[in-house]
């Protein structure tokens, strides 16, 4: 068995425990996760929100984070503009980026999800509509989702990662986490019903007074 933390990373928090900046340091996981020995299995951009997995088990960390395993990741994406069916089809087939074409993705238009209020909120323009899509990819290039939506003409305004493999945010609010146990070594990297521990606990991470953060 291996322990894993499912953490809802807030907006403008680094997915690491330290910041290389000495002036105006940014918020890090150290303000939220007070359990030594756990490290992120993959990353989530500073300006993105949602599911981040951490574990104290090295092989499991590698299996989750390694691009070779092609673990699917699902994002809820708010884009600028009323996204067209053509754009969704293009995203589904894969788009050409500067570092090469992306793999085909699963994409669907979705109604605006019921999410927490982001601080600061997404910019609002009366004359420009927005729309939401659910996008599932199996690769992890730098800022890939944002680059994909921009490539089809719809810049990303808000990006929330909802799912990695079989793990989901469920009802976690920003700054909250829950722990689960994963059966190893024969189980796949994502948990099965047999590999999950019944009744996972949710924890509200307490944080100290944060200093002003800047990008």
N, C-alpha and C. Protein backbone atom coordinates (compact mmCIF):
# COMPACT_ATOMS: atom_id res chain seq x y z
N UNK A 1 0.84 -1.19 0.00
CA UNK A 1 0.00 0.00 0.00
C UNK A 1 0.88 1.25 0.00
N UNK A 2 0.37 2.30 -0.64
CA UNK A 2 1.08 3.58 -0.66
C UNK A 2 0.07 4.68 -0.36
N UNK A 3 0.53 5.70 0.33
CA UNK A 3 -0.33 6.84 0.66
C UNK A 3 -0.24 7.89 -0.43
N UNK A 4 -1.37 8.54 -0.68
CA UNK A 4 -1.40 9.61 -1.67
C UNK A 4 -2.29 10.73 -1.13
N UNK A 5 -1.88 11.97 -1.40
CA UNK A 5 -2.64 13.14 -1.01
C UNK A 5 -3.29 13.73 -2.25
N UNK A 6 -4.58 13.97 -2.19
CA UNK A 6 -5.31 14.67 -3.24
C UNK A 6 -5.54 16.10 -2.75
N UNK A 7 -4.92 17.06 -3.40
CA UNK A 7 -4.92 18.45 -2.94
C UNK A 7 -5.56 19.34 -4.00
N UNK A 8 -6.44 20.22 -3.57
CA UNK A 8 -7.01 21.21 -4.47
C UNK A 8 -6.13 22.46 -4.41
N UNK A 9 -5.23 22.57 -5.37
CA UNK A 9 -4.28 23.68 -5.38
C UNK A 9 -4.99 24.98 -5.74
N UNK A 10 -4.86 25.99 -4.87
CA UNK A 10 -5.49 27.27 -5.19
C UNK A 10 -4.75 28.00 -6.31
N UNK A 11 -5.41 29.00 -6.85
CA UNK A 11 -4.82 29.89 -7.85
C UNK A 11 -3.62 30.61 -7.25
N UNK A 12 -2.58 30.76 -8.06
CA UNK A 12 -1.35 31.46 -7.68
C UNK A 12 -0.67 30.83 -6.47
N UNK A 13 -0.54 29.50 -6.52
CA UNK A 13 0.28 28.74 -5.58
C UNK A 13 1.19 27.84 -6.41
N UNK A 14 2.49 27.85 -6.11
CA UNK A 14 3.43 26.99 -6.82
C UNK A 14 3.21 25.53 -6.43
N UNK A 15 3.38 24.63 -7.37
CA UNK A 15 3.23 23.21 -7.07
C UNK A 15 4.58 22.62 -6.63
N UNK A 16 5.19 23.29 -5.68
CA UNK A 16 6.45 22.88 -5.08
C UNK A 16 6.51 23.50 -3.69
N UNK A 17 7.50 23.07 -2.90
CA UNK A 17 7.56 23.48 -1.50
C UNK A 17 8.45 24.69 -1.24
N UNK A 18 9.20 25.12 -2.22
CA UNK A 18 10.06 26.29 -2.06
C UNK A 18 9.95 27.17 -3.30
N UNK A 19 10.30 28.44 -3.13
CA UNK A 19 10.32 29.37 -4.25
C UNK A 19 11.73 29.94 -4.35
N UNK A 20 12.25 29.95 -5.58
CA UNK A 20 13.61 30.46 -5.77
C UNK A 20 13.70 31.96 -5.59
N UNK A 21 12.58 32.64 -5.60
CA UNK A 21 12.59 34.09 -5.42
C UNK A 21 12.93 34.44 -3.97
N UNK A 22 13.73 35.46 -3.80
CA UNK A 22 14.03 35.95 -2.46
C UNK A 22 13.24 37.22 -2.16
N UNK A 23 12.86 37.95 -3.20
CA UNK A 23 12.01 39.12 -3.03
C UNK A 23 10.60 38.81 -3.53
N UNK A 24 9.62 39.21 -2.74
CA UNK A 24 8.23 38.93 -3.06
C UNK A 24 8.00 37.45 -3.39
N UNK A 25 8.37 36.55 -2.49
CA UNK A 25 8.19 35.12 -2.78
C UNK A 25 6.71 34.77 -2.95
N UNK A 26 6.48 33.77 -3.79
CA UNK A 26 5.12 33.32 -4.05
C UNK A 26 4.69 32.24 -3.06
N UNK A 27 3.40 32.02 -2.97
CA UNK A 27 2.89 30.95 -2.11
C UNK A 27 3.33 29.60 -2.66
N UNK A 28 3.64 28.69 -1.75
CA UNK A 28 4.08 27.35 -2.12
C UNK A 28 3.25 26.31 -1.36
N UNK A 29 3.48 25.05 -1.68
CA UNK A 29 2.78 23.97 -1.00
C UNK A 29 3.10 23.93 0.49
N UNK A 30 4.25 24.49 0.88
CA UNK A 30 4.64 24.47 2.30
C UNK A 30 3.64 25.21 3.18
N UNK A 31 2.88 26.13 2.61
CA UNK A 31 1.88 26.86 3.38
C UNK A 31 0.61 26.05 3.60
N UNK A 32 0.50 24.93 2.88
CA UNK A 32 -0.75 24.17 2.90
C UNK A 32 -0.56 22.73 3.37
N UNK A 33 0.54 22.10 2.95
CA UNK A 33 0.79 20.69 3.27
C UNK A 33 1.86 20.63 4.34
N UNK A 34 1.50 20.16 5.53
CA UNK A 34 2.43 20.11 6.66
C UNK A 34 2.82 18.67 6.98
N UNK A 35 3.01 17.88 5.95
CA UNK A 35 3.35 16.47 6.14
C UNK A 35 4.66 16.18 5.44
N UNK A 36 5.77 16.06 6.17
CA UNK A 36 7.07 15.84 5.54
C UNK A 36 7.13 14.52 4.80
N UNK A 37 7.94 14.50 3.75
CA UNK A 37 8.15 13.28 2.99
C UNK A 37 7.25 13.09 1.79
N UNK A 38 6.29 14.01 1.58
CA UNK A 38 5.40 13.94 0.43
C UNK A 38 5.85 14.92 -0.65
N UNK A 39 5.82 14.45 -1.89
CA UNK A 39 6.26 15.28 -3.01
C UNK A 39 5.25 15.19 -4.15
N UNK A 40 5.13 16.27 -4.94
CA UNK A 40 4.15 16.26 -6.03
C UNK A 40 4.47 15.21 -7.08
N UNK A 41 3.42 14.55 -7.56
CA UNK A 41 3.55 13.62 -8.69
C UNK A 41 3.08 14.39 -9.93
N UNK A 42 4.00 15.13 -10.52
CA UNK A 42 3.66 16.03 -11.61
C UNK A 42 3.53 17.44 -11.09
N UNK A 43 3.03 18.32 -11.94
CA UNK A 43 2.94 19.72 -11.56
C UNK A 43 1.65 20.32 -12.11
N UNK A 44 1.34 21.50 -11.59
CA UNK A 44 0.20 22.27 -12.07
C UNK A 44 0.64 23.73 -12.05
N UNK A 45 0.41 24.44 -13.15
CA UNK A 45 0.94 25.80 -13.28
C UNK A 45 0.47 26.72 -12.15
N UNK A 46 1.29 27.70 -11.88
CA UNK A 46 1.03 28.69 -10.83
C UNK A 46 -0.34 29.34 -11.00
N UNK A 47 -0.71 29.65 -12.25
CA UNK A 47 -1.97 30.34 -12.51
C UNK A 47 -3.10 29.38 -12.86
N UNK A 48 -2.93 28.09 -12.58
CA UNK A 48 -3.99 27.11 -12.75
C UNK A 48 -4.43 26.61 -11.38
N UNK A 49 -5.62 26.02 -11.33
CA UNK A 49 -6.20 25.54 -10.08
C UNK A 49 -6.54 24.07 -10.20
N UNK A 50 -6.81 23.46 -9.05
CA UNK A 50 -7.37 22.13 -9.09
C UNK A 50 -6.47 21.03 -8.58
N UNK A 51 -6.70 19.83 -9.09
CA UNK A 51 -6.14 18.61 -8.52
C UNK A 51 -4.64 18.50 -8.71
N UNK A 52 -3.95 18.29 -7.58
CA UNK A 52 -2.53 18.00 -7.56
C UNK A 52 -2.34 16.80 -6.65
N UNK A 53 -1.61 15.79 -7.12
CA UNK A 53 -1.37 14.59 -6.34
C UNK A 53 0.02 14.64 -5.72
N UNK A 54 0.12 14.22 -4.46
CA UNK A 54 1.40 14.12 -3.78
C UNK A 54 1.49 12.74 -3.14
N UNK A 55 2.69 12.19 -3.09
CA UNK A 55 2.86 10.88 -2.48
C UNK A 55 4.24 10.79 -1.83
N UNK A 56 4.38 9.86 -0.88
CA UNK A 56 5.67 9.60 -0.26
C UNK A 56 6.29 8.31 -0.81
N UNK A 57 5.73 7.84 -1.92
CA UNK A 57 6.17 6.58 -2.52
C UNK A 57 6.79 6.89 -3.88
N UNK A 58 8.11 6.76 -3.99
CA UNK A 58 8.83 7.14 -5.21
C UNK A 58 8.35 6.46 -6.47
N UNK A 59 8.23 5.13 -6.50
CA UNK A 59 7.76 4.47 -7.72
C UNK A 59 6.37 4.93 -8.15
N UNK A 60 5.47 5.14 -7.18
CA UNK A 60 4.13 5.61 -7.53
C UNK A 60 4.20 7.02 -8.09
N UNK A 61 5.02 7.85 -7.48
CA UNK A 61 5.20 9.21 -7.99
C UNK A 61 5.64 9.19 -9.44
N UNK A 62 6.58 8.32 -9.77
CA UNK A 62 7.08 8.22 -11.14
C UNK A 62 5.99 7.71 -12.08
N UNK A 63 5.21 6.73 -11.65
CA UNK A 63 4.18 6.16 -12.51
C UNK A 63 3.10 7.18 -12.84
N UNK A 64 2.80 8.06 -11.90
CA UNK A 64 1.78 9.08 -12.14
C UNK A 64 2.31 10.18 -13.04
N UNK A 65 3.56 10.61 -12.78
CA UNK A 65 4.10 11.79 -13.45
C UNK A 65 4.71 11.48 -14.81
N UNK A 66 5.14 10.26 -15.05
CA UNK A 66 5.87 9.97 -16.28
C UNK A 66 4.99 10.09 -17.52
N UNK A 67 5.43 10.85 -18.53
CA UNK A 67 4.66 10.96 -19.78
C UNK A 67 4.51 9.62 -20.49
N UNK A 68 5.40 8.68 -20.22
CA UNK A 68 5.33 7.38 -20.90
C UNK A 68 4.05 6.62 -20.55
N UNK A 69 3.52 6.86 -19.37
CA UNK A 69 2.32 6.14 -18.94
C UNK A 69 1.03 6.73 -19.50
N UNK A 70 1.14 7.93 -20.07
CA UNK A 70 -0.01 8.57 -20.75
C UNK A 70 -1.26 8.59 -19.87
N UNK A 71 -1.08 8.91 -18.60
CA UNK A 71 -2.24 8.96 -17.70
C UNK A 71 -3.13 10.12 -18.10
N UNK A 72 -4.42 9.90 -18.35
CA UNK A 72 -5.30 10.99 -18.78
C UNK A 72 -5.53 12.01 -17.68
N UNK A 73 -5.59 13.26 -18.09
CA UNK A 73 -5.86 14.37 -17.18
C UNK A 73 -7.00 15.19 -17.77
N UNK A 74 -7.99 15.48 -16.95
CA UNK A 74 -9.17 16.20 -17.41
C UNK A 74 -9.22 17.59 -16.80
N UNK A 75 -9.45 18.57 -17.66
CA UNK A 75 -9.47 19.97 -17.26
C UNK A 75 -10.82 20.59 -17.59
N UNK A 76 -11.28 21.48 -16.72
CA UNK A 76 -12.42 22.34 -17.01
C UNK A 76 -11.85 23.70 -17.39
N UNK A 77 -12.18 24.15 -18.59
CA UNK A 77 -11.51 25.31 -19.16
C UNK A 77 -12.53 26.37 -19.55
N UNK A 78 -12.36 27.55 -19.01
CA UNK A 78 -13.17 28.70 -19.43
C UNK A 78 -12.37 29.46 -20.48
N UNK A 79 -12.97 29.64 -21.66
CA UNK A 79 -12.28 30.32 -22.74
C UNK A 79 -13.00 31.61 -23.11
N UNK A 80 -12.26 32.50 -23.71
CA UNK A 80 -12.83 33.76 -24.17
C UNK A 80 -13.52 33.54 -25.51
N UNK A 81 -14.80 33.91 -25.58
CA UNK A 81 -15.56 33.74 -26.81
C UNK A 81 -16.51 32.56 -26.73
N UNK A 82 -17.44 32.53 -27.65
CA UNK A 82 -18.41 31.45 -27.76
C UNK A 82 -17.80 30.38 -28.66
N UNK A 83 -17.19 29.37 -28.06
CA UNK A 83 -16.38 28.42 -28.82
C UNK A 83 -17.25 27.67 -29.83
N UNK A 84 -16.71 27.50 -31.02
CA UNK A 84 -17.44 26.89 -32.12
C UNK A 84 -17.24 25.38 -32.16
N UNK A 85 -18.15 24.72 -32.88
CA UNK A 85 -18.00 23.29 -33.09
C UNK A 85 -16.75 22.95 -33.87
N UNK A 86 -16.37 23.81 -34.79
CA UNK A 86 -15.15 23.59 -35.57
C UNK A 86 -13.93 23.60 -34.66
N UNK A 87 -13.88 24.56 -33.74
CA UNK A 87 -12.75 24.63 -32.82
C UNK A 87 -12.69 23.40 -31.93
N UNK A 88 -13.85 22.92 -31.47
CA UNK A 88 -13.87 21.72 -30.64
C UNK A 88 -13.40 20.51 -31.45
N UNK A 89 -13.82 20.40 -32.70
CA UNK A 89 -13.36 19.30 -33.56
C UNK A 89 -11.85 19.36 -33.76
N UNK A 90 -11.32 20.56 -33.96
CA UNK A 90 -9.88 20.71 -34.15
C UNK A 90 -9.10 20.29 -32.90
N UNK A 91 -9.60 20.69 -31.73
CA UNK A 91 -8.96 20.27 -30.49
C UNK A 91 -9.01 18.76 -30.34
N UNK A 92 -10.13 18.16 -30.73
CA UNK A 92 -10.29 16.72 -30.60
C UNK A 92 -9.29 15.96 -31.47
N UNK A 93 -9.04 16.48 -32.66
CA UNK A 93 -8.11 15.81 -33.58
C UNK A 93 -6.66 16.06 -33.22
N UNK A 94 -6.39 17.14 -32.46
CA UNK A 94 -5.02 17.55 -32.17
C UNK A 94 -4.67 18.78 -32.97
N UNK A 95 -3.89 19.66 -32.36
CA UNK A 95 -3.52 20.91 -33.02
C UNK A 95 -2.01 21.02 -33.09
N UNK A 96 -1.54 21.82 -34.04
CA UNK A 96 -0.11 22.03 -34.19
C UNK A 96 0.37 23.15 -33.28
N UNK A 97 1.34 22.83 -32.43
CA UNK A 97 1.98 23.80 -31.57
C UNK A 97 3.43 23.97 -32.01
N UNK A 98 4.12 24.90 -31.41
CA UNK A 98 5.51 25.15 -31.82
C UNK A 98 6.40 23.93 -31.58
N UNK A 99 6.04 23.10 -30.58
CA UNK A 99 6.84 21.91 -30.30
C UNK A 99 6.22 20.66 -30.92
N UNK A 100 5.37 20.85 -31.94
CA UNK A 100 4.83 19.72 -32.67
C UNK A 100 3.35 19.51 -32.41
N UNK A 101 2.72 18.63 -33.19
CA UNK A 101 1.29 18.38 -33.04
C UNK A 101 0.97 17.66 -31.74
N UNK A 102 -0.20 17.98 -31.18
CA UNK A 102 -0.64 17.30 -29.97
C UNK A 102 -1.36 16.01 -30.34
N UNK A 103 -1.47 15.13 -29.37
CA UNK A 103 -2.25 13.92 -29.59
C UNK A 103 -3.74 14.28 -29.62
N UNK A 104 -4.57 13.44 -30.20
CA UNK A 104 -6.01 13.67 -30.14
C UNK A 104 -6.47 13.77 -28.69
N UNK A 105 -7.48 14.59 -28.46
CA UNK A 105 -7.99 14.83 -27.10
C UNK A 105 -9.49 14.56 -27.08
N UNK A 106 -10.01 14.36 -25.89
CA UNK A 106 -11.46 14.27 -25.70
C UNK A 106 -11.95 15.66 -25.29
N UNK A 107 -12.87 16.21 -26.05
CA UNK A 107 -13.34 17.58 -25.80
C UNK A 107 -14.85 17.62 -25.93
N UNK A 108 -15.48 18.31 -25.03
CA UNK A 108 -16.91 18.56 -25.13
C UNK A 108 -17.21 19.91 -24.53
N UNK A 109 -18.23 20.54 -25.06
CA UNK A 109 -18.71 21.78 -24.46
C UNK A 109 -19.49 21.41 -23.19
N UNK A 110 -19.39 22.25 -22.16
CA UNK A 110 -20.08 21.96 -20.90
C UNK A 110 -20.74 23.23 -20.36
N UNK A 111 -21.77 23.03 -19.54
CA UNK A 111 -22.37 24.17 -18.86
C UNK A 111 -21.38 24.66 -17.81
N UNK A 112 -21.43 25.94 -17.46
CA UNK A 112 -20.49 26.46 -16.46
C UNK A 112 -20.57 25.65 -15.17
N UNK A 113 -19.46 25.08 -14.72
CA UNK A 113 -19.50 24.26 -13.50
C UNK A 113 -19.67 25.13 -12.26
N UNK A 114 -20.18 24.52 -11.19
CA UNK A 114 -20.33 25.22 -9.92
C UNK A 114 -19.00 25.16 -9.19
N UNK A 115 -18.25 26.24 -9.28
CA UNK A 115 -16.92 26.31 -8.69
C UNK A 115 -16.86 27.38 -7.62
N UNK A 116 -15.84 27.32 -6.82
CA UNK A 116 -15.53 28.34 -5.84
C UNK A 116 -15.19 29.67 -6.54
N UNK A 117 -15.31 30.75 -5.82
CA UNK A 117 -14.95 32.06 -6.35
C UNK A 117 -13.43 32.18 -6.37
N UNK A 118 -12.90 32.50 -7.52
CA UNK A 118 -11.44 32.66 -7.62
C UNK A 118 -11.04 34.05 -7.14
N UNK A 119 -9.87 34.11 -6.48
CA UNK A 119 -9.33 35.39 -6.04
C UNK A 119 -7.93 35.57 -6.61
N UNK A 120 -7.71 36.58 -7.47
CA UNK A 120 -8.69 37.54 -7.98
C UNK A 120 -9.60 36.88 -9.02
N UNK A 121 -10.78 37.45 -9.24
CA UNK A 121 -11.71 36.84 -10.20
C UNK A 121 -11.22 36.96 -11.64
N UNK A 122 -11.77 36.13 -12.49
CA UNK A 122 -11.48 36.22 -13.93
C UNK A 122 -12.00 37.55 -14.46
N UNK A 123 -11.21 38.16 -15.33
CA UNK A 123 -11.65 39.44 -15.89
C UNK A 123 -12.96 39.27 -16.66
N UNK A 124 -13.79 40.26 -16.53
CA UNK A 124 -15.11 40.20 -17.17
C UNK A 124 -15.26 41.35 -18.16
N UNK A 125 -15.68 41.02 -19.38
CA UNK A 125 -15.92 42.03 -20.41
C UNK A 125 -17.35 41.87 -20.91
N UNK A 126 -18.11 42.92 -20.77
CA UNK A 126 -19.53 42.87 -21.11
C UNK A 126 -19.77 42.48 -22.56
N UNK A 127 -18.89 42.92 -23.44
CA UNK A 127 -19.11 42.71 -24.88
C UNK A 127 -18.53 41.39 -25.40
N UNK A 128 -17.83 40.65 -24.54
CA UNK A 128 -17.20 39.41 -25.00
C UNK A 128 -17.73 38.24 -24.17
N UNK A 129 -18.42 37.27 -24.80
CA UNK A 129 -18.93 36.11 -24.05
C UNK A 129 -17.79 35.16 -23.69
N UNK A 130 -18.08 34.26 -22.79
CA UNK A 130 -17.14 33.19 -22.47
C UNK A 130 -17.87 31.86 -22.56
N UNK A 131 -17.13 30.78 -22.63
CA UNK A 131 -17.73 29.45 -22.66
C UNK A 131 -16.79 28.48 -21.96
N UNK A 132 -17.34 27.30 -21.61
CA UNK A 132 -16.58 26.29 -20.89
C UNK A 132 -16.50 25.01 -21.73
N UNK A 133 -15.35 24.37 -21.66
CA UNK A 133 -15.16 23.05 -22.27
C UNK A 133 -14.52 22.12 -21.26
N UNK A 134 -14.78 20.83 -21.43
CA UNK A 134 -14.06 19.79 -20.70
C UNK A 134 -13.06 19.16 -21.66
N UNK A 135 -11.80 19.16 -21.29
CA UNK A 135 -10.72 18.73 -22.18
C UNK A 135 -9.89 17.68 -21.48
N UNK A 136 -9.75 16.51 -22.09
CA UNK A 136 -8.95 15.43 -21.52
C UNK A 136 -7.78 15.13 -22.45
N UNK A 137 -6.57 15.21 -21.90
CA UNK A 137 -5.36 14.93 -22.67
C UNK A 137 -4.54 13.86 -21.97
N UNK A 138 -3.63 13.25 -22.70
CA UNK A 138 -2.78 12.19 -22.13
C UNK A 138 -1.31 12.52 -22.30
N UNK A 139 -1.00 13.78 -22.39
CA UNK A 139 0.39 14.23 -22.42
C UNK A 139 0.48 15.48 -21.56
N UNK A 140 1.69 15.92 -21.26
CA UNK A 140 1.84 17.01 -20.31
C UNK A 140 2.90 18.02 -20.71
N UNK A 141 2.73 18.63 -21.86
CA UNK A 141 3.67 19.67 -22.25
C UNK A 141 3.46 20.94 -21.44
N UNK A 142 4.47 21.79 -21.47
CA UNK A 142 4.39 23.03 -20.72
C UNK A 142 3.22 23.89 -21.20
N UNK A 143 2.31 24.23 -20.28
CA UNK A 143 1.16 25.09 -20.55
C UNK A 143 0.38 24.62 -21.77
N UNK A 144 0.24 23.32 -21.90
CA UNK A 144 -0.32 22.73 -23.12
C UNK A 144 -1.77 23.14 -23.36
N UNK A 145 -2.61 23.06 -22.33
CA UNK A 145 -4.03 23.36 -22.55
C UNK A 145 -4.20 24.80 -23.01
N UNK A 146 -3.52 25.72 -22.36
CA UNK A 146 -3.62 27.14 -22.75
C UNK A 146 -3.16 27.34 -24.19
N UNK A 147 -2.10 26.67 -24.56
CA UNK A 147 -1.61 26.82 -25.93
C UNK A 147 -2.56 26.19 -26.94
N UNK A 148 -3.21 25.10 -26.55
CA UNK A 148 -4.15 24.45 -27.47
C UNK A 148 -5.36 25.34 -27.75
N UNK A 149 -5.95 25.89 -26.68
CA UNK A 149 -7.13 26.73 -26.92
C UNK A 149 -6.77 28.01 -27.68
N UNK A 150 -5.58 28.55 -27.41
CA UNK A 150 -5.14 29.74 -28.14
C UNK A 150 -4.95 29.42 -29.62
N UNK A 151 -4.47 28.20 -29.91
CA UNK A 151 -4.20 27.81 -31.29
C UNK A 151 -5.47 27.74 -32.13
N UNK A 152 -6.61 27.50 -31.48
CA UNK A 152 -7.87 27.45 -32.24
C UNK A 152 -8.66 28.75 -32.07
N UNK A 153 -8.02 29.76 -31.47
CA UNK A 153 -8.63 31.09 -31.44
C UNK A 153 -9.44 31.44 -30.22
N UNK A 154 -9.29 30.65 -29.13
CA UNK A 154 -10.07 30.91 -27.93
C UNK A 154 -9.15 30.88 -26.70
N UNK A 155 -8.62 32.04 -26.32
CA UNK A 155 -7.68 32.07 -25.19
C UNK A 155 -8.32 31.57 -23.89
N UNK A 156 -7.53 30.87 -23.10
CA UNK A 156 -7.99 30.37 -21.81
C UNK A 156 -8.04 31.50 -20.78
N UNK A 157 -9.16 31.59 -20.08
CA UNK A 157 -9.32 32.55 -19.00
C UNK A 157 -9.15 31.91 -17.63
N UNK A 158 -9.65 30.71 -17.50
CA UNK A 158 -9.55 29.99 -16.23
C UNK A 158 -9.33 28.52 -16.51
N UNK A 159 -8.44 27.89 -15.73
CA UNK A 159 -8.09 26.50 -15.98
C UNK A 159 -8.11 25.74 -14.65
N UNK A 160 -9.00 24.74 -14.58
CA UNK A 160 -9.15 23.94 -13.36
C UNK A 160 -8.95 22.47 -13.73
N UNK A 161 -7.96 21.83 -13.11
CA UNK A 161 -7.78 20.40 -13.36
C UNK A 161 -8.70 19.63 -12.42
N UNK A 162 -9.59 18.86 -13.03
CA UNK A 162 -10.60 18.14 -12.25
C UNK A 162 -10.19 16.69 -11.95
N UNK A 163 -9.46 16.05 -12.86
CA UNK A 163 -9.24 14.62 -12.72
C UNK A 163 -7.87 14.23 -13.24
N UNK A 164 -7.23 13.26 -12.54
CA UNK A 164 -6.00 12.61 -13.01
C UNK A 164 -6.23 11.11 -12.87
N UNK A 165 -6.20 10.39 -13.98
CA UNK A 165 -6.53 8.96 -13.92
C UNK A 165 -7.94 8.80 -13.37
N UNK A 166 -8.08 8.04 -12.27
CA UNK A 166 -9.37 7.85 -11.64
C UNK A 166 -9.58 8.77 -10.43
N UNK A 167 -8.58 9.56 -10.10
CA UNK A 167 -8.70 10.48 -8.97
C UNK A 167 -9.38 11.78 -9.41
N UNK A 168 -10.29 12.29 -8.61
CA UNK A 168 -10.98 13.54 -8.94
C UNK A 168 -10.96 14.49 -7.74
N UNK A 169 -11.28 15.74 -8.02
CA UNK A 169 -11.41 16.72 -6.95
C UNK A 169 -12.53 16.39 -6.01
N UNK A 170 -13.57 15.72 -6.52
CA UNK A 170 -14.76 15.42 -5.74
C UNK A 170 -15.28 16.72 -5.12
N UNK A 171 -15.34 16.82 -3.79
CA UNK A 171 -15.90 18.00 -3.16
C UNK A 171 -14.84 18.87 -2.48
N UNK A 172 -13.59 18.68 -2.84
CA UNK A 172 -12.52 19.46 -2.22
C UNK A 172 -12.60 20.92 -2.61
N UNK A 173 -12.49 21.79 -1.63
CA UNK A 173 -12.41 23.22 -1.87
C UNK A 173 -10.94 23.65 -1.93
N UNK A 174 -10.64 24.83 -2.46
CA UNK A 174 -9.24 25.27 -2.54
C UNK A 174 -8.56 25.22 -1.17
N UNK A 175 -7.38 24.63 -1.14
CA UNK A 175 -6.63 24.50 0.10
C UNK A 175 -6.98 23.27 0.92
N UNK A 176 -7.97 22.49 0.49
CA UNK A 176 -8.33 21.27 1.19
C UNK A 176 -7.67 20.07 0.53
N UNK A 177 -7.43 19.03 1.33
CA UNK A 177 -6.90 17.79 0.77
C UNK A 177 -7.51 16.61 1.50
N UNK A 178 -7.40 15.46 0.86
CA UNK A 178 -7.77 14.21 1.51
C UNK A 178 -6.70 13.17 1.17
N UNK A 179 -6.62 12.16 2.02
CA UNK A 179 -5.63 11.10 1.83
C UNK A 179 -6.32 9.81 1.44
N UNK A 180 -5.66 9.06 0.56
CA UNK A 180 -6.13 7.74 0.18
C UNK A 180 -4.95 6.79 0.18
N UNK A 181 -5.27 5.51 0.19
CA UNK A 181 -4.25 4.49 0.06
C UNK A 181 -4.44 3.76 -1.26
N UNK A 182 -3.33 3.46 -1.91
CA UNK A 182 -3.33 2.78 -3.20
C UNK A 182 -2.67 1.42 -3.03
N UNK A 183 -3.30 0.40 -3.56
CA UNK A 183 -2.75 -0.95 -3.47
C UNK A 183 -1.62 -1.11 -4.47
N UNK A 184 -0.46 -1.54 -4.03
CA UNK A 184 0.71 -1.76 -4.88
C UNK A 184 1.25 -3.15 -4.61
N UNK A 185 2.01 -3.75 -5.54
CA UNK A 185 2.47 -3.16 -6.81
C UNK A 185 1.63 -3.55 -8.01
N UNK A 186 0.66 -4.46 -7.82
CA UNK A 186 -0.03 -5.01 -8.97
C UNK A 186 -1.12 -4.10 -9.52
N UNK A 187 -1.61 -3.16 -8.72
CA UNK A 187 -2.68 -2.29 -9.19
C UNK A 187 -2.12 -1.25 -10.14
N UNK A 188 -2.93 -0.73 -11.06
CA UNK A 188 -2.49 0.37 -11.92
C UNK A 188 -2.23 1.60 -11.09
N UNK A 189 -1.56 2.60 -11.71
CA UNK A 189 -1.19 3.80 -10.97
C UNK A 189 -2.40 4.51 -10.41
N UNK A 190 -3.54 4.51 -11.14
CA UNK A 190 -4.74 5.13 -10.61
C UNK A 190 -5.50 4.11 -9.79
N UNK A 191 -6.19 4.51 -8.73
CA UNK A 191 -6.76 3.55 -7.78
C UNK A 191 -7.99 2.85 -8.33
N UNK A 192 -8.13 1.59 -7.97
CA UNK A 192 -9.35 0.85 -8.28
C UNK A 192 -10.23 0.87 -7.03
N UNK A 193 -11.40 0.32 -7.16
CA UNK A 193 -12.28 0.28 -6.00
C UNK A 193 -11.64 -0.55 -4.89
N UNK A 194 -10.91 -1.63 -5.28
CA UNK A 194 -10.27 -2.46 -4.27
C UNK A 194 -9.09 -1.74 -3.64
N UNK A 195 -8.45 -0.85 -4.41
CA UNK A 195 -7.25 -0.18 -3.91
C UNK A 195 -7.56 1.03 -3.06
N UNK A 196 -8.79 1.46 -3.03
CA UNK A 196 -9.13 2.65 -2.26
C UNK A 196 -9.50 2.29 -0.84
N UNK A 197 -9.18 3.16 0.02
CA UNK A 197 -9.51 2.99 1.42
C UNK A 197 -10.87 3.62 1.69
N UNK A 198 -11.80 2.88 2.27
CA UNK A 198 -13.13 3.46 2.48
C UNK A 198 -13.08 4.64 3.43
N UNK A 199 -13.94 5.60 3.12
CA UNK A 199 -14.08 6.75 4.01
C UNK A 199 -12.87 7.63 4.09
N UNK A 200 -12.28 8.12 2.95
CA UNK A 200 -11.12 9.01 3.03
C UNK A 200 -11.49 10.28 3.76
N UNK A 201 -10.52 10.81 4.49
CA UNK A 201 -10.80 12.01 5.26
C UNK A 201 -10.40 13.25 4.48
N UNK A 202 -11.15 14.29 4.64
CA UNK A 202 -10.84 15.58 4.03
C UNK A 202 -10.33 16.51 5.10
N UNK A 203 -9.34 17.30 4.75
CA UNK A 203 -8.69 18.18 5.71
C UNK A 203 -8.59 19.57 5.13
N UNK A 204 -8.94 20.55 5.93
CA UNK A 204 -8.76 21.94 5.54
C UNK A 204 -7.37 22.35 5.98
N UNK A 205 -6.52 22.65 5.04
CA UNK A 205 -5.15 23.03 5.38
C UNK A 205 -5.13 24.44 5.92
N UNK A 206 -4.52 24.60 7.09
CA UNK A 206 -4.40 25.93 7.65
C UNK A 206 -3.11 26.56 7.14
N UNK A 207 -3.16 27.83 6.97
CA UNK A 207 -2.01 28.53 6.42
C UNK A 207 -1.74 29.76 7.27
N UNK A 208 -0.48 30.16 7.34
CA UNK A 208 -0.16 31.40 8.05
C UNK A 208 -0.56 32.59 7.24
N UNK A 209 -0.48 33.77 7.85
CA UNK A 209 -0.71 35.00 7.09
C UNK A 209 0.28 35.06 5.96
N UNK A 210 -0.22 35.09 4.74
CA UNK A 210 0.70 35.08 3.60
C UNK A 210 1.13 36.49 3.26
N UNK A 211 2.37 36.58 2.85
CA UNK A 211 2.85 37.85 2.36
C UNK A 211 2.28 38.11 0.98
N UNK A 212 2.31 39.33 0.57
CA UNK A 212 1.77 39.65 -0.75
C UNK A 212 2.54 38.89 -1.80
N UNK A 213 1.80 38.27 -2.73
CA UNK A 213 2.45 37.44 -3.76
C UNK A 213 2.36 38.16 -5.08
N UNK A 214 3.34 37.94 -5.91
CA UNK A 214 3.33 38.49 -7.25
C UNK A 214 3.78 37.42 -8.20
N UNK A 215 3.36 37.55 -9.46
CA UNK A 215 3.76 36.55 -10.45
C UNK A 215 5.24 36.71 -10.78
